[in-house]
Amino acid sequence: MTNEISRPRPRLIRVIPLALAGAALLLAGSPAHADAWPSKPVRMVVSYPPGGTVDAVARIIAPRLSARLGQPVVIDNRGGAGGAIGGDLVAKSAPDGYTVMLDASNHAQNPALRKMPFDTLRDLAPVSLLVRVPNVLVVNPSAPIKSVPDLIAQAKAKPGGINYASSGNGSAQHLAGELFASMAGVQITHVAYKGGGPALTDVMSGHVPVFFASLASSLPFIQGGKLRALAVTGKARSPALPQLPTVSEAGLPGYEVYEWNAVFVPAGTPAPVVERLSKEVAATLREPEVRTRLEALGAEVIGSSPAELDSFRRAEIAKWTRLAKDNKIQVD
């Protein structure tokens, strides 16, 4: 009798761990798992060096996001290769919610221009589109270019004879100029600098006449008369320069370019964590002080869902891939 009772016991011992394992898997994918996150500091990899607009956006957002999450959000600048170095680091990080990336427009432009060490769409999951900022087409005040039609007419009269500056090969400013030339049917010559600051300095000095500048960095010089603004590159006029037309209004219909910043995480990060992070980022962006400081950079504050950011980045990748292919643009 005793032997008959003892036989089933091994089966019970095997079943109990399986049941517990199943329950653990359910808990891992549940909202309760997101509630437990974060239990330690979160690293925010900024894919550009300190001091630029991308870094400024990160430093405005990080302290308030930290307060909402209840854990420090520690900024880690990993610049280089147009954001690809930071992107590679995050793409290969553990998908546990403790490494996030604040990236910029090159997220969508790099796949069209460079041989990448990771697959942007496969390896980085979208969280939220933070802001987008139009460029502003500026010229040196002494240049005989008063408007967008002037620039197009002079470029047509002298193919390749007008130079435009950028912050580097493959930069947002470089591609803004390439898109302008392609849509206008003109040739303008790209002059790459090692950063937006040196490019801006040379345009103000008269060494290069044209620049598709960052609105945030060029605005004080426009207001001070050191640069002549012709148009903004967005779909609508900028509240920072409401009197200034868009490039589309001013003579090149359909032209639209933004620099933008967004948050991504390694692919495979648990969905509840991604959803909570997206909601906390959006709530941070709604804080009046955060919004005011971002708008002072000329930014349109957004705060999208993960799905909205995914649709946006796919459209951006397709746009710049077409441009690069049609115009044989490549960055080594």
C-alpha atoms as a PDB file:
ATOM      1  CA  MET A   1       0.000   0.000   0.000  1.00  0.00           C
ATOM      2  CA  THR A   2       2.809   2.379   0.888  1.00  0.00           C
ATOM      3  CA  ASN A   3       4.584   1.704  -2.414  1.00  0.00           C
ATOM      4  CA  GLU A   4       1.414   2.448  -4.429  1.00  0.00           C
ATOM      5  CA  ILE A   5       0.989   5.856  -2.760  1.00  0.00           C
ATOM      6  CA  SER A   6       4.618   6.862  -3.335  1.00  0.00           C
ATOM      7  CA  ARG A   7       4.699   6.141  -7.087  1.00  0.00           C
ATOM      8  CA  PRO A   8       2.851   9.309  -8.279  1.00  0.00           C
ATOM      9  CA  ARG A   9       5.052  11.681  -6.261  1.00  0.00           C
ATOM     10  CA  PRO A  10       7.789  12.153  -8.911  1.00  0.00           C
ATOM     11  CA  ARG A  11       5.125  13.224 -11.382  1.00  0.00           C
ATOM     12  CA  LEU A  12       3.826  15.884  -9.004  1.00  0.00           C
ATOM     13  CA  ILE A  13       7.349  17.171  -8.451  1.00  0.00           C
ATOM     14  CA  ARG A  14       7.848  17.544 -12.207  1.00  0.00           C
ATOM     15  CA  VAL A  15       4.512  19.315 -12.783  1.00  0.00           C
ATOM     16  CA  ILE A  16       4.913  21.957 -10.085  1.00  0.00           C
ATOM     17  CA  PRO A  17       8.095  23.570 -11.567  1.00  0.00           C
ATOM     18  CA  LEU A  18       6.477  23.643 -15.011  1.00  0.00           C
ATOM     19  CA  ALA A  19       3.447  25.427 -13.606  1.00  0.00           C
ATOM     20  CA  LEU A  20       5.658  27.916 -11.819  1.00  0.00           C
ATOM     21  CA  ALA A  21       7.694  28.523 -14.979  1.00  0.00           C
ATOM     22  CA  GLY A  22       4.520  29.190 -16.940  1.00  0.00           C
ATOM     23  CA  ALA A  23       3.332  31.639 -14.321  1.00  0.00           C
ATOM     24  CA  ALA A  24       6.700  33.408 -14.428  1.00  0.00           C
ATOM     25  CA  LEU A  25       6.443  33.797 -18.194  1.00  0.00           C
ATOM     26  CA  LEU A  26       2.976  35.261 -17.859  1.00  0.00           C
ATOM     27  CA  LEU A  27       4.179  37.698 -15.215  1.00  0.00           C
ATOM     28  CA  ALA A  28       7.144  38.747 -17.370  1.00  0.00           C
ATOM     29  CA  GLY A  29       4.801  39.876 -20.155  1.00  0.00           C
ATOM     30  CA  SER A  30       2.246  41.450 -17.870  1.00  0.00           C
ATOM     31  CA  PRO A  31       1.716  45.086 -16.853  1.00  0.00           C
ATOM     32  CA  ALA A  32       3.048  44.147 -13.410  1.00  0.00           C
ATOM     33  CA  HIS A  33       6.452  43.561 -15.040  1.00  0.00           C
ATOM     34  CA  ALA A  34       6.399  47.125 -16.368  1.00  0.00           C
ATOM     35  CA  ASP A  35       5.444  48.393 -12.918  1.00  0.00           C
ATOM     36  CA  ALA A  36       8.618  46.792 -11.528  1.00  0.00           C
ATOM     37  CA  TRP A  37      10.701  48.609 -14.148  1.00  0.00           C
ATOM     38  CA  PRO A  38      12.939  50.501 -13.562  1.00  0.00           C
ATOM     39  CA  SER A  39      14.591  49.199 -10.413  1.00  0.00           C
ATOM     40  CA  LYS A  40      17.977  50.770 -11.208  1.00  0.00           C
ATOM     41  CA  PRO A  41      19.358  53.719 -13.227  1.00  0.00           C
ATOM     42  CA  VAL A  42      18.546  53.950 -16.923  1.00  0.00           C
ATOM     43  CA  ARG A  43      21.328  54.819 -19.374  1.00  0.00           C
ATOM     44  CA  MET A  44      20.324  57.244 -22.130  1.00  0.00           C
ATOM     45  CA  VAL A  45      22.808  56.907 -24.984  1.00  0.00           C
ATOM     46  CA  VAL A  46      22.919  60.154 -26.980  1.00  0.00           C
ATOM     47  CA  SER A  47      24.306  59.352 -30.410  1.00  0.00           C
ATOM     48  CA  TYR A  48      25.994  62.768 -30.802  1.00  0.00           C
ATOM     49  CA  PRO A  49      28.709  64.653 -28.867  1.00  0.00           C
ATOM     50  CA  PRO A  50      27.977  67.071 -26.007  1.00  0.00           C
ATOM     51  CA  GLY A  51      27.097  70.647 -26.874  1.00  0.00           C
ATOM     52  CA  GLY A  52      24.879  70.197 -29.925  1.00  0.00           C
ATOM     53  CA  THR A  53      21.111  70.386 -30.321  1.00  0.00           C
ATOM     54  CA  VAL A  54      20.594  66.624 -29.830  1.00  0.00           C
ATOM     55  CA  ASP A  55      22.509  66.778 -26.549  1.00  0.00           C
ATOM     56  CA  ALA A  56      20.516  69.867 -25.499  1.00  0.00           C
ATOM     57  CA  VAL A  57      17.226  68.025 -26.047  1.00  0.00           C
ATOM     58  CA  ALA A  58      18.488  65.085 -23.969  1.00  0.00           C
ATOM     59  CA  ARG A  59      19.547  67.336 -21.094  1.00  0.00           C
ATOM     60  CA  ILE A  60      16.180  69.115 -21.051  1.00  0.00           C
ATOM     61  CA  ILE A  61      14.243  65.844 -20.953  1.00  0.00           C
ATOM     62  CA  ALA A  62      16.397  63.534 -18.819  1.00  0.00           C
ATOM     63  CA  PRO A  63      15.933  65.160 -15.364  1.00  0.00           C
ATOM     64  CA  ARG A  64      12.143  65.308 -15.660  1.00  0.00           C
ATOM     65  CA  LEU A  65      11.927  61.781 -17.094  1.00  0.00           C
ATOM     66  CA  SER A  66      14.078  60.614 -14.182  1.00  0.00           C
ATOM     67  CA  ALA A  67      11.604  62.165 -11.725  1.00  0.00           C
ATOM     68  CA  ARG A  68       8.730  60.301 -13.387  1.00  0.00           C
ATOM     69  CA  LEU A  69      10.525  56.961 -13.459  1.00  0.00           C
ATOM     70  CA  GLY A  70      11.874  57.235  -9.925  1.00  0.00           C
ATOM     71  CA  GLN A  71      15.381  56.327 -11.071  1.00  0.00           C
ATOM     72  CA  PRO A  72      18.298  58.370 -12.459  1.00  0.00           C
ATOM     73  CA  VAL A  73      18.418  58.746 -16.250  1.00  0.00           C
ATOM     74  CA  VAL A  74      22.144  58.968 -16.967  1.00  0.00           C
ATOM     75  CA  ILE A  75      23.239  60.569 -20.254  1.00  0.00           C
ATOM     76  CA  ASP A  76      26.031  58.776 -22.117  1.00  0.00           C
ATOM     77  CA  ASN A  77      27.244  60.671 -25.216  1.00  0.00           C
ATOM     78  CA  ARG A  78      28.499  58.289 -27.916  1.00  0.00           C
ATOM     79  CA  GLY A  79      29.011  60.440 -30.995  1.00  0.00           C
ATOM     80  CA  GLY A  80      30.571  59.515 -34.310  1.00  0.00           C
ATOM     81  CA  ALA A  81      29.717  58.237 -37.802  1.00  0.00           C
ATOM     82  CA  GLY A  82      26.573  60.348 -37.957  1.00  0.00           C
ATOM     83  CA  GLY A  83      25.028  58.595 -34.961  1.00  0.00           C
ATOM     84  CA  ALA A  84      25.904  55.066 -36.130  1.00  0.00           C
ATOM     85  CA  ILE A  85      28.342  54.423 -33.257  1.00  0.00           C
ATOM     86  CA  GLY A  86      25.721  55.128 -30.601  1.00  0.00           C
ATOM     87  CA  GLY A  87      23.137  53.202 -32.589  1.00  0.00           C
ATOM     88  CA  ASP A  88      25.379  50.145 -32.794  1.00  0.00           C
ATOM     89  CA  LEU A  89      25.994  50.239 -29.041  1.00  0.00           C
ATOM     90  CA  VAL A  90      22.278  50.319 -28.258  1.00  0.00           C
ATOM     91  CA  ALA A  91      21.356  47.761 -30.924  1.00  0.00           C
ATOM     92  CA  LYS A  92      23.730  45.283 -29.251  1.00  0.00           C
ATOM     93  CA  SER A  93      22.733  46.081 -25.657  1.00  0.00           C
ATOM     94  CA  ALA A  94      20.549  43.870 -23.472  1.00  0.00           C
ATOM     95  CA  PRO A  95      16.848  44.438 -24.286  1.00  0.00           C
ATOM     96  CA  ASP A  96      15.901  44.993 -20.651  1.00  0.00           C
ATOM     97  CA  GLY A  97      14.786  48.639 -20.658  1.00  0.00           C
ATOM     98  CA  TYR A  98      17.943  49.917 -18.984  1.00  0.00           C
ATOM     99  CA  THR A  99      19.613  51.161 -22.175  1.00  0.00           C
ATOM    100  CA  VAL A 100      17.693  53.640 -24.317  1.00  0.00           C
ATOM    101  CA  MET A 101      18.876  55.887 -27.144  1.00  0.00           C
ATOM    102  CA  LEU A 102      18.078  59.462 -28.038  1.00  0.00           C
ATOM    103  CA  ASP A 103      18.781  59.600 -31.769  1.00  0.00           C
ATOM    104  CA  ALA A 104      18.338  62.120 -34.563  1.00  0.00           C
ATOM    105  CA  SER A 105      17.429  62.340 -38.258  1.00  0.00           C
ATOM    106  CA  ASN A 106      20.505  60.351 -39.277  1.00  0.00           C
ATOM    107  CA  HIS A 107      18.672  57.326 -37.875  1.00  0.00           C
ATOM    108  CA  ALA A 108      16.741  57.361 -41.173  1.00  0.00           C
ATOM    109  CA  GLN A 109      19.498  58.751 -43.385  1.00  0.00           C
ATOM    110  CA  ASN A 110      22.381  56.453 -42.429  1.00  0.00           C
ATOM    111  CA  PRO A 111      20.842  53.296 -43.925  1.00  0.00           C
ATOM    112  CA  ALA A 112      20.663  55.100 -47.287  1.00  0.00           C
ATOM    113  CA  LEU A 113      24.257  56.323 -47.152  1.00  0.00           C
ATOM    114  CA  ARG A 114      26.484  53.993 -45.159  1.00  0.00           C
ATOM    115  CA  LYS A 115      27.319  50.348 -44.693  1.00  0.00           C
ATOM    116  CA  MET A 116      25.811  49.916 -41.242  1.00  0.00           C
ATOM    117  CA  PRO A 117      27.066  47.569 -38.492  1.00  0.00           C
ATOM    118  CA  PHE A 118      23.451  46.824 -37.538  1.00  0.00           C
ATOM    119  CA  ASP A 119      20.006  46.767 -39.127  1.00  0.00           C
ATOM    120  CA  THR A 120      18.138  49.921 -38.103  1.00  0.00           C
ATOM    121  CA  LEU A 121      14.611  48.554 -38.487  1.00  0.00           C
ATOM    122  CA  ARG A 122      15.369  45.067 -37.153  1.00  0.00           C
ATOM    123  CA  ASP A 123      17.624  45.971 -34.213  1.00  0.00           C
ATOM    124  CA  LEU A 124      16.149  49.198 -32.793  1.00  0.00           C
ATOM    125  CA  ALA A 125      12.569  49.390 -31.538  1.00  0.00           C
ATOM    126  CA  PRO A 126      10.691  52.735 -31.598  1.00  0.00           C
ATOM    127  CA  VAL A 127       9.503  54.419 -28.401  1.00  0.00           C
ATOM    128  CA  SER A 128       8.544  58.045 -29.129  1.00  0.00           C
ATOM    129  CA  LEU A 129       9.184  60.853 -31.607  1.00  0.00           C
ATOM    130  CA  LEU A 130      10.132  63.759 -29.353  1.00  0.00           C
ATOM    131  CA  VAL A 131      10.524  66.843 -31.518  1.00  0.00           C
ATOM    132  CA  ARG A 132      11.118  67.912 -35.075  1.00  0.00           C
ATOM    133  CA  VAL A 133      12.862  71.100 -36.125  1.00  0.00           C
ATOM    134  CA  PRO A 134      13.020  72.619 -39.608  1.00  0.00           C
ATOM    135  CA  ASN A 135      16.307  73.789 -41.029  1.00  0.00           C
ATOM    136  CA  VAL A 136      16.530  77.356 -42.233  1.00  0.00           C
ATOM    137  CA  LEU A 137      18.046  78.248 -45.600  1.00  0.00           C
ATOM    138  CA  VAL A 138      20.465  81.098 -44.906  1.00  0.00           C
ATOM    139  CA  VAL A 139      23.013  83.064 -46.928  1.00  0.00           C
ATOM    140  CA  ASN A 140      25.735  85.503 -46.111  1.00  0.00           C
ATOM    141  CA  PRO A 141      24.188  89.032 -46.145  1.00  0.00           C
ATOM    142  CA  SER A 142      26.660  90.154 -48.809  1.00  0.00           C
ATOM    143  CA  ALA A 143      25.658  87.344 -51.207  1.00  0.00           C
ATOM    144  CA  PRO A 144      23.550  88.492 -54.184  1.00  0.00           C
ATOM    145  CA  ILE A 145      20.842  85.977 -53.266  1.00  0.00           C
ATOM    146  CA  LYS A 146      17.679  87.525 -51.875  1.00  0.00           C
ATOM    147  CA  SER A 147      15.195  84.668 -52.207  1.00  0.00           C
ATOM    148  CA  VAL A 148      14.696  81.008 -53.072  1.00  0.00           C
ATOM    149  CA  PRO A 149      13.921  81.884 -56.747  1.00  0.00           C
ATOM    150  CA  ASP A 150      17.154  83.924 -56.822  1.00  0.00           C
ATOM    151  CA  LEU A 151      19.136  80.918 -55.606  1.00  0.00           C
ATOM    152  CA  ILE A 152      17.542  78.596 -58.165  1.00  0.00           C
ATOM    153  CA  ALA A 153      18.022  81.073 -61.014  1.00  0.00           C
ATOM    154  CA  GLN A 154      21.684  81.692 -60.187  1.00  0.00           C
ATOM    155  CA  ALA A 155      22.367  77.973 -59.777  1.00  0.00           C
ATOM    156  CA  LYS A 156      20.818  77.301 -63.198  1.00  0.00           C
ATOM    157  CA  ALA A 157      22.855  80.110 -64.783  1.00  0.00           C
ATOM    158  CA  LYS A 158      26.105  78.732 -63.342  1.00  0.00           C
ATOM    159  CA  PRO A 159      25.873  74.960 -62.706  1.00  0.00           C
ATOM    160  CA  GLY A 160      28.061  73.936 -59.766  1.00  0.00           C
ATOM    161  CA  GLY A 161      29.140  77.538 -59.217  1.00  0.00           C
ATOM    162  CA  ILE A 162      27.318  78.047 -55.911  1.00  0.00           C
ATOM    163  CA  ASN A 163      28.699  76.338 -52.813  1.00  0.00           C
ATOM    164  CA  TYR A 164      26.682  75.300 -49.785  1.00  0.00           C
ATOM    165  CA  ALA A 165      28.048  74.307 -46.392  1.00  0.00           C
ATOM    166  CA  SER A 166      27.104  71.389 -44.162  1.00  0.00           C
ATOM    167  CA  SER A 167      28.218  69.949 -40.843  1.00  0.00           C
ATOM    168  CA  GLY A 168      29.680  66.927 -42.637  1.00  0.00           C
ATOM    169  CA  ASN A 169      29.184  64.278 -45.301  1.00  0.00           C
ATOM    170  CA  GLY A 170      25.884  62.512 -44.757  1.00  0.00           C
ATOM    171  CA  SER A 171      24.644  65.132 -42.302  1.00  0.00           C
ATOM    172  CA  ALA A 172      21.073  66.431 -42.266  1.00  0.00           C
ATOM    173  CA  GLN A 173      22.270  69.716 -43.799  1.00  0.00           C
ATOM    174  CA  HIS A 174      24.091  67.858 -46.582  1.00  0.00           C
ATOM    175  CA  LEU A 175      20.963  65.932 -47.536  1.00  0.00           C
ATOM    176  CA  ALA A 176      18.769  69.030 -47.255  1.00  0.00           C
ATOM    177  CA  GLY A 177      20.969  70.611 -49.929  1.00  0.00           C
ATOM    178  CA  GLU A 178      20.951  67.486 -52.095  1.00  0.00           C
ATOM    179  CA  LEU A 179      17.154  67.301 -51.945  1.00  0.00           C
ATOM    180  CA  PHE A 180      16.894  70.994 -52.828  1.00  0.00           C
ATOM    181  CA  ALA A 181      19.194  70.561 -55.834  1.00  0.00           C
ATOM    182  CA  SER A 182      17.358  67.445 -56.988  1.00  0.00           C
ATOM    183  CA  MET A 183      13.891  69.011 -56.767  1.00  0.00           C
ATOM    184  CA  ALA A 184      15.012  72.313 -58.316  1.00  0.00           C
ATOM    185  CA  GLY A 185      16.939  70.618 -61.128  1.00  0.00           C
ATOM    186  CA  VAL A 186      20.168  72.485 -60.354  1.00  0.00           C
ATOM    187  CA  GLN A 187      23.773  71.706 -59.436  1.00  0.00           C
ATOM    188  CA  ILE A 188      25.161  73.227 -56.243  1.00  0.00           C
ATOM    189  CA  THR A 189      28.482  72.203 -54.725  1.00  0.00           C
ATOM    190  CA  HIS A 190      28.611  70.638 -51.277  1.00  0.00           C
ATOM    191  CA  VAL A 191      31.346  71.804 -48.882  1.00  0.00           C
ATOM    192  CA  ALA A 192      31.567  69.540 -45.829  1.00  0.00           C
ATOM    193  CA  TYR A 193      32.802  70.846 -42.470  1.00  0.00           C
ATOM    194  CA  LYS A 194      33.607  69.011 -39.248  1.00  0.00           C
ATOM    195  CA  GLY A 195      30.525  70.237 -37.422  1.00  0.00           C
ATOM    196  CA  GLY A 196      27.795  72.837 -37.696  1.00  0.00           C
ATOM    197  CA  GLY A 197      29.752  75.477 -35.755  1.00  0.00           C
ATOM    198  CA  PRO A 198      32.651  75.766 -38.241  1.00  0.00           C
ATOM    199  CA  ALA A 199      30.189  75.725 -41.150  1.00  0.00           C
ATOM    200  CA  LEU A 200      28.148  78.535 -39.614  1.00  0.00           C
ATOM    201  CA  THR A 201      31.301  80.583 -38.971  1.00  0.00           C
ATOM    202  CA  ASP A 202      32.470  80.290 -42.583  1.00  0.00           C
ATOM    203  CA  VAL A 203      29.062  81.260 -43.964  1.00  0.00           C
ATOM    204  CA  MET A 204      29.016  84.363 -41.751  1.00  0.00           C
ATOM    205  CA  SER A 205      32.584  85.124 -42.851  1.00  0.00           C
ATOM    206  CA  GLY A 206      31.573  84.916 -46.514  1.00  0.00           C
ATOM    207  CA  HIS A 207      33.739  81.915 -47.434  1.00  0.00           C
ATOM    208  CA  VAL A 208      30.684  79.850 -48.408  1.00  0.00           C
ATOM    209  CA  PRO A 209      27.456  81.667 -49.342  1.00  0.00           C
ATOM    210  CA  VAL A 210      24.689  79.128 -48.556  1.00  0.00           C
ATOM    211  CA  PHE A 211      23.809  76.888 -45.611  1.00  0.00           C
ATOM    212  CA  PHE A 212      20.767  74.791 -44.662  1.00  0.00           C
ATOM    213  CA  ALA A 213      21.396  75.637 -41.033  1.00  0.00           C
ATOM    214  CA  SER A 214      19.997  74.356 -37.777  1.00  0.00           C
ATOM    215  CA  LEU A 215      17.280  76.776 -36.704  1.00  0.00           C
ATOM    216  CA  ALA A 216      18.376  76.658 -33.066  1.00  0.00           C
ATOM    217  CA  SER A 217      22.016  77.553 -33.744  1.00  0.00           C
ATOM    218  CA  SER A 218      21.399  80.113 -36.502  1.00  0.00           C
ATOM    219  CA  LEU A 219      18.465  82.029 -34.997  1.00  0.00           C
ATOM    220  CA  PRO A 220      20.556  84.501 -32.916  1.00  0.00           C
ATOM    221  CA  PHE A 221      22.672  85.347 -35.978  1.00  0.00           C
ATOM    222  CA  ILE A 222      19.594  85.819 -38.160  1.00  0.00           C
ATOM    223  CA  GLN A 223      18.120  88.148 -35.569  1.00  0.00           C
ATOM    224  CA  GLY A 224      21.463  89.966 -35.262  1.00  0.00           C
ATOM    225  CA  GLY A 225      21.766  90.525 -39.025  1.00  0.00           C
ATOM    226  CA  LYS A 226      24.807  88.309 -39.499  1.00  0.00           C
ATOM    227  CA  LEU A 227      22.838  85.880 -41.670  1.00  0.00           C
ATOM    228  CA  ARG A 228      20.055  86.467 -44.206  1.00  0.00           C
ATOM    229  CA  ALA A 229      17.279  83.888 -43.873  1.00  0.00           C
ATOM    230  CA  LEU A 230      15.496  82.950 -47.106  1.00  0.00           C
ATOM    231  CA  ALA A 231      13.060  80.247 -45.958  1.00  0.00           C
ATOM    232  CA  VAL A 232      12.442  77.437 -43.475  1.00  0.00           C
ATOM    233  CA  THR A 233      12.456  73.861 -44.679  1.00  0.00           C
ATOM    234  CA  GLY A 234       9.373  72.587 -42.836  1.00  0.00           C
ATOM    235  CA  LYS A 235       5.833  72.089 -44.076  1.00  0.00           C
ATOM    236  CA  ALA A 236       4.607  75.127 -42.123  1.00  0.00           C
ATOM    237  CA  ARG A 237       6.185  78.396 -41.064  1.00  0.00           C
ATOM    238  CA  SER A 238       8.150  78.360 -37.827  1.00  0.00           C
ATOM    239  CA  PRO A 239       6.758  80.227 -34.790  1.00  0.00           C
ATOM    240  CA  ALA A 240      10.349  81.357 -34.178  1.00  0.00           C
ATOM    241  CA  LEU A 241      10.379  83.194 -37.564  1.00  0.00           C
ATOM    242  CA  PRO A 242       6.708  83.594 -38.497  1.00  0.00           C
ATOM    243  CA  GLN A 243       7.419  86.159 -41.224  1.00  0.00           C
ATOM    244  CA  LEU A 244       9.694  83.745 -43.090  1.00  0.00           C
ATOM    245  CA  PRO A 245       8.115  81.586 -45.833  1.00  0.00           C
ATOM    246  CA  THR A 246       8.713  77.887 -46.248  1.00  0.00           C
ATOM    247  CA  VAL A 247      10.919  76.718 -49.113  1.00  0.00           C
ATOM    248  CA  SER A 248       7.784  75.188 -50.609  1.00  0.00           C
ATOM    249  CA  GLU A 249       5.925  78.531 -50.463  1.00  0.00           C
ATOM    250  CA  ALA A 250       8.933  80.468 -51.690  1.00  0.00           C
ATOM    251  CA  GLY A 251       9.447  78.641 -54.955  1.00  0.00           C
ATOM    252  CA  LEU A 252      10.016  74.892 -54.577  1.00  0.00           C
ATOM    253  CA  PRO A 253       6.611  73.237 -54.017  1.00  0.00           C
ATOM    254  CA  GLY A 254       6.646  70.017 -52.016  1.00  0.00           C
ATOM    255  CA  TYR A 255      10.047  70.540 -50.424  1.00  0.00           C
ATOM    256  CA  GLU A 256      10.011  69.463 -46.764  1.00  0.00           C
ATOM    257  CA  VAL A 257      12.929  68.610 -44.469  1.00  0.00           C
ATOM    258  CA  TYR A 258      13.182  68.353 -40.702  1.00  0.00           C
ATOM    259  CA  GLU A 259      15.841  67.450 -38.227  1.00  0.00           C
ATOM    260  CA  TRP A 260      14.212  65.354 -35.518  1.00  0.00           C
ATOM    261  CA  ASN A 261      14.923  63.538 -32.284  1.00  0.00           C
ATOM    262  CA  ALA A 262      13.391  60.305 -31.063  1.00  0.00           C
ATOM    263  CA  VAL A 263      13.830  57.610 -28.435  1.00  0.00           C
ATOM    264  CA  PHE A 264      14.615  53.991 -29.338  1.00  0.00           C
ATOM    265  CA  VAL A 265      15.455  50.822 -27.390  1.00  0.00           C
ATOM    266  CA  PRO A 266      17.058  47.516 -28.367  1.00  0.00           C
ATOM    267  CA  ALA A 267      14.681  45.247 -30.267  1.00  0.00           C
ATOM    268  CA  GLY A 268      13.173  42.657 -27.973  1.00  0.00           C
ATOM    269  CA  THR A 269      12.661  45.036 -25.048  1.00  0.00           C
ATOM    270  CA  PRO A 270       9.440  43.855 -23.316  1.00  0.00           C
ATOM    271  CA  ALA A 271       6.361  45.551 -24.763  1.00  0.00           C
ATOM    272  CA  PRO A 272       5.034  46.700 -21.350  1.00  0.00           C
ATOM    273  CA  VAL A 273       8.349  48.463 -20.689  1.00  0.00           C
ATOM    274  CA  VAL A 274       8.288  50.149 -24.107  1.00  0.00           C
ATOM    275  CA  GLU A 275       4.698  51.288 -23.558  1.00  0.00           C
ATOM    276  CA  ARG A 276       5.405  52.702 -20.123  1.00  0.00           C
ATOM    277  CA  LEU A 277       8.549  54.478 -21.324  1.00  0.00           C
ATOM    278  CA  SER A 278       6.619  55.978 -24.240  1.00  0.00           C
ATOM    279  CA  LYS A 279       3.859  57.241 -21.929  1.00  0.00           C
ATOM    280  CA  GLU A 280       6.340  58.743 -19.453  1.00  0.00           C
ATOM    281  CA  VAL A 281       8.245  60.462 -22.280  1.00  0.00           C
ATOM    282  CA  ALA A 282       4.996  61.933 -23.635  1.00  0.00           C
ATOM    283  CA  ALA A 283       4.018  63.128 -20.149  1.00  0.00           C
ATOM    284  CA  THR A 284       7.469  64.711 -19.737  1.00  0.00           C
ATOM    285  CA  LEU A 285       7.040  66.597 -23.008  1.00  0.00           C
ATOM    286  CA  ARG A 286       3.700  67.986 -21.798  1.00  0.00           C
ATOM    287  CA  GLU A 287       5.324  69.634 -18.786  1.00  0.00           C
ATOM    288  CA  PRO A 288       5.165  73.420 -19.390  1.00  0.00           C
ATOM    289  CA  GLU A 289       8.822  74.095 -18.529  1.00  0.00           C
ATOM    290  CA  VAL A 290      10.075  71.277 -20.759  1.00  0.00           C
ATOM    291  CA  ARG A 291       7.842  72.380 -23.620  1.00  0.00           C
ATOM    292  CA  THR A 292       8.934  76.025 -23.308  1.00  0.00           C
ATOM    293  CA  ARG A 293      12.623  75.141 -23.339  1.00  0.00           C
ATOM    294  CA  LEU A 294      12.257  72.866 -26.371  1.00  0.00           C
ATOM    295  CA  GLU A 295      10.216  75.439 -28.282  1.00  0.00           C
ATOM    296  CA  ALA A 296      12.977  77.970 -27.591  1.00  0.00           C
ATOM    297  CA  LEU A 297      15.179  75.719 -29.772  1.00  0.00           C
ATOM    298  CA  GLY A 298      12.665  76.173 -32.611  1.00  0.00           C
ATOM    299  CA  ALA A 299      11.285  72.674 -32.033  1.00  0.00           C
ATOM    300  CA  GLU A 300       7.792  71.359 -32.655  1.00  0.00           C
ATOM    301  CA  VAL A 301       7.075  69.175 -29.606  1.00  0.00           C
ATOM    302  CA  ILE A 302       5.371  65.882 -30.496  1.00  0.00           C
ATOM    303  CA  GLY A 303       5.555  62.867 -28.148  1.00  0.00           C
ATOM    304  CA  SER A 304       4.268  60.064 -30.393  1.00  0.00           C
ATOM    305  CA  SER A 305       3.333  56.447 -29.754  1.00  0.00           C
ATOM    306  CA  PRO A 306       5.777  53.667 -30.727  1.00  0.00           C
ATOM    307  CA  ALA A 307       3.605  52.781 -33.737  1.00  0.00           C
ATOM    308  CA  GLU A 308       3.502  56.386 -34.944  1.00  0.00           C
ATOM    309  CA  LEU A 309       7.289  56.674 -34.684  1.00  0.00           C
ATOM    310  CA  ASP A 310       7.719  53.403 -36.575  1.00  0.00           C
ATOM    311  CA  SER A 311       5.551  54.659 -39.463  1.00  0.00           C
ATOM    312  CA  PHE A 312       7.400  57.978 -39.475  1.00  0.00           C
ATOM    313  CA  ARG A 313      10.893  56.471 -39.561  1.00  0.00           C
ATOM    314  CA  ARG A 314       9.972  53.993 -42.312  1.00  0.00           C
ATOM    315  CA  ALA A 315       8.697  56.858 -44.483  1.00  0.00           C
ATOM    316  CA  GLU A 316      11.885  58.845 -43.764  1.00  0.00           C
ATOM    317  CA  ILE A 317      14.148  55.891 -44.617  1.00  0.00           C
ATOM    318  CA  ALA A 318      12.287  55.384 -47.905  1.00  0.00           C
ATOM    319  CA  LYS A 319      12.555  59.103 -48.765  1.00  0.00           C
ATOM    320  CA  TRP A 320      16.308  59.359 -48.220  1.00  0.00           C
ATOM    321  CA  THR A 321      17.006  55.977 -49.825  1.00  0.00           C
ATOM    322  CA  ARG A 322      15.304  57.180 -53.024  1.00  0.00           C
ATOM    323  CA  LEU A 323      17.302  60.411 -52.976  1.00  0.00           C
ATOM    324  CA  ALA A 324      20.620  58.620 -52.401  1.00  0.00           C
ATOM    325  CA  LYS A 325      19.925  56.056 -55.131  1.00  0.00           C
ATOM    326  CA  ASP A 326      18.697  58.583 -57.711  1.00  0.00           C
ATOM    327  CA  ASN A 327      21.641  60.929 -57.121  1.00  0.00           C
ATOM    328  CA  LYS A 328      24.315  58.299 -56.378  1.00  0.00           C
ATOM    329  CA  ILE A 329      25.051  59.744 -52.932  1.00  0.00           C
ATOM    330  CA  GLN A 330      27.215  57.580 -50.693  1.00  0.00           C
ATOM    331  CA  VAL A 331      29.325  58.202 -47.612  1.00  0.00           C
ATOM    332  CA  ASP A 332      32.387  56.010 -46.962  1.00  0.00           C
END
